[in-house]
């Protein structure tokens, strides 16, 4: 059964239905943290819709650039590093959040 465009799906369901399992729920969560995917957090779980996924695809679409030179060499197919780059960026952004409090003093006491 195919969900309607506005039916709430967990990120796991969305990755299975929309991407047929080719992208993990972690990638969708990272896209949400980057502001590319609209999500709702209900009861500790993240939800999105097919409509929101379609909007995300448009936001993430890479614009084709005109070749700078006259070269006609085509790119070779290969494994995309986008998924790992998105996860790495999201992890980095989480590590730079503001500290919760002051650090303890680690300097030795003066003996003078």
C-alpha atoms as a PDB file:
ATOM      1  CA  UNK A   1       0.000   0.000   0.000  1.00  0.00           C
ATOM      2  CA  UNK A   2       1.400   3.366  -1.035  1.00  0.00           C
ATOM      3  CA  UNK A   3       0.947   6.193   1.489  1.00  0.00           C
ATOM      4  CA  UNK A   4      -0.699   9.458   0.479  1.00  0.00           C
ATOM      5  CA  UNK A   5       1.550  12.475  -0.032  1.00  0.00           C
ATOM      6  CA  UNK A   6       0.473  14.016   3.306  1.00  0.00           C
ATOM      7  CA  UNK A   7       0.488  10.871   5.481  1.00  0.00           C
ATOM      8  CA  UNK A   8       2.998  11.036   8.337  1.00  0.00           C
ATOM      9  CA  UNK A   9       5.799   8.496   7.978  1.00  0.00           C
ATOM     10  CA  UNK A  10       8.631   7.718  10.364  1.00  0.00           C
ATOM     11  CA  UNK A  11      12.052   8.455   8.913  1.00  0.00           C
ATOM     12  CA  UNK A  12      12.612   4.703   8.584  1.00  0.00           C
ATOM     13  CA  UNK A  13       9.340   4.279   6.666  1.00  0.00           C
ATOM     14  CA  UNK A  14      10.136   7.325   4.525  1.00  0.00           C
ATOM     15  CA  UNK A  15      13.566   5.961   3.620  1.00  0.00           C
ATOM     16  CA  UNK A  16      12.043   2.599   2.671  1.00  0.00           C
ATOM     17  CA  UNK A  17       9.050   3.986   0.734  1.00  0.00           C
ATOM     18  CA  UNK A  18      10.560   7.028  -0.973  1.00  0.00           C
ATOM     19  CA  UNK A  19      14.159   5.868  -1.476  1.00  0.00           C
ATOM     20  CA  UNK A  20      13.434   2.104  -1.504  1.00  0.00           C
ATOM     21  CA  UNK A  21      16.037   1.647   1.242  1.00  0.00           C
ATOM     22  CA  UNK A  22      18.859   3.343  -0.712  1.00  0.00           C
ATOM     23  CA  UNK A  23      19.161   6.078   1.922  1.00  0.00           C
ATOM     24  CA  UNK A  24      19.152   5.508   5.659  1.00  0.00           C
ATOM     25  CA  UNK A  25      16.940   7.250   8.222  1.00  0.00           C
ATOM     26  CA  UNK A  26      20.135   8.909   9.523  1.00  0.00           C
ATOM     27  CA  UNK A  27      20.579  10.692   6.194  1.00  0.00           C
ATOM     28  CA  UNK A  28      17.021  12.031   6.420  1.00  0.00           C
ATOM     29  CA  UNK A  29      17.623  13.205   9.996  1.00  0.00           C
ATOM     30  CA  UNK A  30      20.831  14.929   8.893  1.00  0.00           C
ATOM     31  CA  UNK A  31      18.930  16.636   6.049  1.00  0.00           C
ATOM     32  CA  UNK A  32      16.363  17.825   8.615  1.00  0.00           C
ATOM     33  CA  UNK A  33      19.163  19.231  10.797  1.00  0.00           C
ATOM     34  CA  UNK A  34      20.524  21.045   7.734  1.00  0.00           C
ATOM     35  CA  UNK A  35      17.083  22.572   7.102  1.00  0.00           C
ATOM     36  CA  UNK A  36      16.431  20.679   3.865  1.00  0.00           C
ATOM     37  CA  UNK A  37      13.699  18.351   5.174  1.00  0.00           C
ATOM     38  CA  UNK A  38      10.651  19.389   7.195  1.00  0.00           C
ATOM     39  CA  UNK A  39      10.010  16.967  10.054  1.00  0.00           C
ATOM     40  CA  UNK A  40       7.686  16.730  13.047  1.00  0.00           C
ATOM     41  CA  UNK A  41       8.835  15.274  16.367  1.00  0.00           C
ATOM     42  CA  UNK A  42       6.011  13.424  18.068  1.00  0.00           C
ATOM     43  CA  UNK A  43       6.597  11.265  21.123  1.00  0.00           C
ATOM     44  CA  UNK A  44      10.354  11.261  20.578  1.00  0.00           C
ATOM     45  CA  UNK A  45      10.113  10.036  16.950  1.00  0.00           C
ATOM     46  CA  UNK A  46      10.633  12.073  13.806  1.00  0.00           C
ATOM     47  CA  UNK A  47       7.996  12.046  11.070  1.00  0.00           C
ATOM     48  CA  UNK A  48       7.850  13.498   7.565  1.00  0.00           C
ATOM     49  CA  UNK A  49       5.647  13.228   4.474  1.00  0.00           C
ATOM     50  CA  UNK A  50       6.139  12.327   0.830  1.00  0.00           C
ATOM     51  CA  UNK A  51       5.399  15.973  -0.012  1.00  0.00           C
ATOM     52  CA  UNK A  52       8.203  17.107   2.328  1.00  0.00           C
ATOM     53  CA  UNK A  53      10.575  14.572   0.757  1.00  0.00           C
ATOM     54  CA  UNK A  54       9.782  15.933  -2.712  1.00  0.00           C
ATOM     55  CA  UNK A  55      10.538  19.473  -1.484  1.00  0.00           C
ATOM     56  CA  UNK A  56      13.843  18.218  -0.012  1.00  0.00           C
ATOM     57  CA  UNK A  57      14.838  16.683  -3.352  1.00  0.00           C
ATOM     58  CA  UNK A  58      14.265  20.036  -5.055  1.00  0.00           C
ATOM     59  CA  UNK A  59      16.284  21.877  -2.374  1.00  0.00           C
ATOM     60  CA  UNK A  60      19.156  19.415  -2.808  1.00  0.00           C
ATOM     61  CA  UNK A  61      19.088  19.412  -6.614  1.00  0.00           C
ATOM     62  CA  UNK A  62      22.466  20.259  -8.095  1.00  0.00           C
ATOM     63  CA  UNK A  63      22.329  22.786 -10.900  1.00  0.00           C
ATOM     64  CA  UNK A  64      24.188  21.707 -14.015  1.00  0.00           C
ATOM     65  CA  UNK A  65      26.989  24.096 -14.840  1.00  0.00           C
ATOM     66  CA  UNK A  66      28.180  24.858 -18.343  1.00  0.00           C
ATOM     67  CA  UNK A  67      31.619  23.393 -19.045  1.00  0.00           C
ATOM     68  CA  UNK A  68      34.423  25.892 -18.529  1.00  0.00           C
ATOM     69  CA  UNK A  69      36.600  24.343 -21.196  1.00  0.00           C
ATOM     70  CA  UNK A  70      35.908  22.537 -24.430  1.00  0.00           C
ATOM     71  CA  UNK A  71      36.557  19.176 -22.823  1.00  0.00           C
ATOM     72  CA  UNK A  72      33.960  16.509 -23.549  1.00  0.00           C
ATOM     73  CA  UNK A  73      35.287  13.950 -21.059  1.00  0.00           C
ATOM     74  CA  UNK A  74      32.341  12.504 -19.178  1.00  0.00           C
ATOM     75  CA  UNK A  75      32.345  11.692 -15.501  1.00  0.00           C
ATOM     76  CA  UNK A  76      32.537   8.041 -14.568  1.00  0.00           C
ATOM     77  CA  UNK A  77      29.906   6.406 -12.448  1.00  0.00           C
ATOM     78  CA  UNK A  78      31.017   5.698  -8.921  1.00  0.00           C
ATOM     79  CA  UNK A  79      29.876   5.445  -5.366  1.00  0.00           C
ATOM     80  CA  UNK A  80      28.547   8.714  -4.026  1.00  0.00           C
ATOM     81  CA  UNK A  81      30.136  10.184  -0.937  1.00  0.00           C
ATOM     82  CA  UNK A  82      27.128  12.434  -0.280  1.00  0.00           C
ATOM     83  CA  UNK A  83      25.654  10.233   2.439  1.00  0.00           C
ATOM     84  CA  UNK A  84      28.861  10.077   4.475  1.00  0.00           C
ATOM     85  CA  UNK A  85      29.531  13.797   3.942  1.00  0.00           C
ATOM     86  CA  UNK A  86      26.043  14.735   5.182  1.00  0.00           C
ATOM     87  CA  UNK A  87      26.451  12.558   8.274  1.00  0.00           C
ATOM     88  CA  UNK A  88      29.917  13.953   8.962  1.00  0.00           C
ATOM     89  CA  UNK A  89      28.643  17.526   8.684  1.00  0.00           C
ATOM     90  CA  UNK A  90      25.702  16.853  11.002  1.00  0.00           C
ATOM     91  CA  UNK A  91      28.050  15.229  13.537  1.00  0.00           C
ATOM     92  CA  UNK A  92      30.419  18.181  13.352  1.00  0.00           C
ATOM     93  CA  UNK A  93      27.582  20.652  13.865  1.00  0.00           C
ATOM     94  CA  UNK A  94      26.416  18.743  16.971  1.00  0.00           C
ATOM     95  CA  UNK A  95      29.950  18.844  18.425  1.00  0.00           C
ATOM     96  CA  UNK A  96      30.095  22.652  18.146  1.00  0.00           C
ATOM     97  CA  UNK A  97      26.996  23.335  20.209  1.00  0.00           C
ATOM     98  CA  UNK A  98      27.361  25.829  23.042  1.00  0.00           C
ATOM     99  CA  UNK A  99      28.778  24.333  26.283  1.00  0.00           C
ATOM    100  CA  UNK A 100      26.254  23.794  29.078  1.00  0.00           C
ATOM    101  CA  UNK A 101      28.306  25.390  31.827  1.00  0.00           C
ATOM    102  CA  UNK A 102      31.714  26.589  32.959  1.00  0.00           C
ATOM    103  CA  UNK A 103      34.661  24.230  32.960  1.00  0.00           C
ATOM    104  CA  UNK A 104      36.368  23.418  36.266  1.00  0.00           C
ATOM    105  CA  UNK A 105      39.693  25.103  36.993  1.00  0.00           C
ATOM    106  CA  UNK A 106      42.563  22.776  36.044  1.00  0.00           C
ATOM    107  CA  UNK A 107      45.426  25.137  36.907  1.00  0.00           C
ATOM    108  CA  UNK A 108      47.680  24.256  39.834  1.00  0.00           C
ATOM    109  CA  UNK A 109      47.429  26.403  42.908  1.00  0.00           C
ATOM    110  CA  UNK A 110      50.221  28.968  43.251  1.00  0.00           C
ATOM    111  CA  UNK A 111      52.804  28.146  45.967  1.00  0.00           C
ATOM    112  CA  UNK A 112      54.061  31.718  46.479  1.00  0.00           C
END
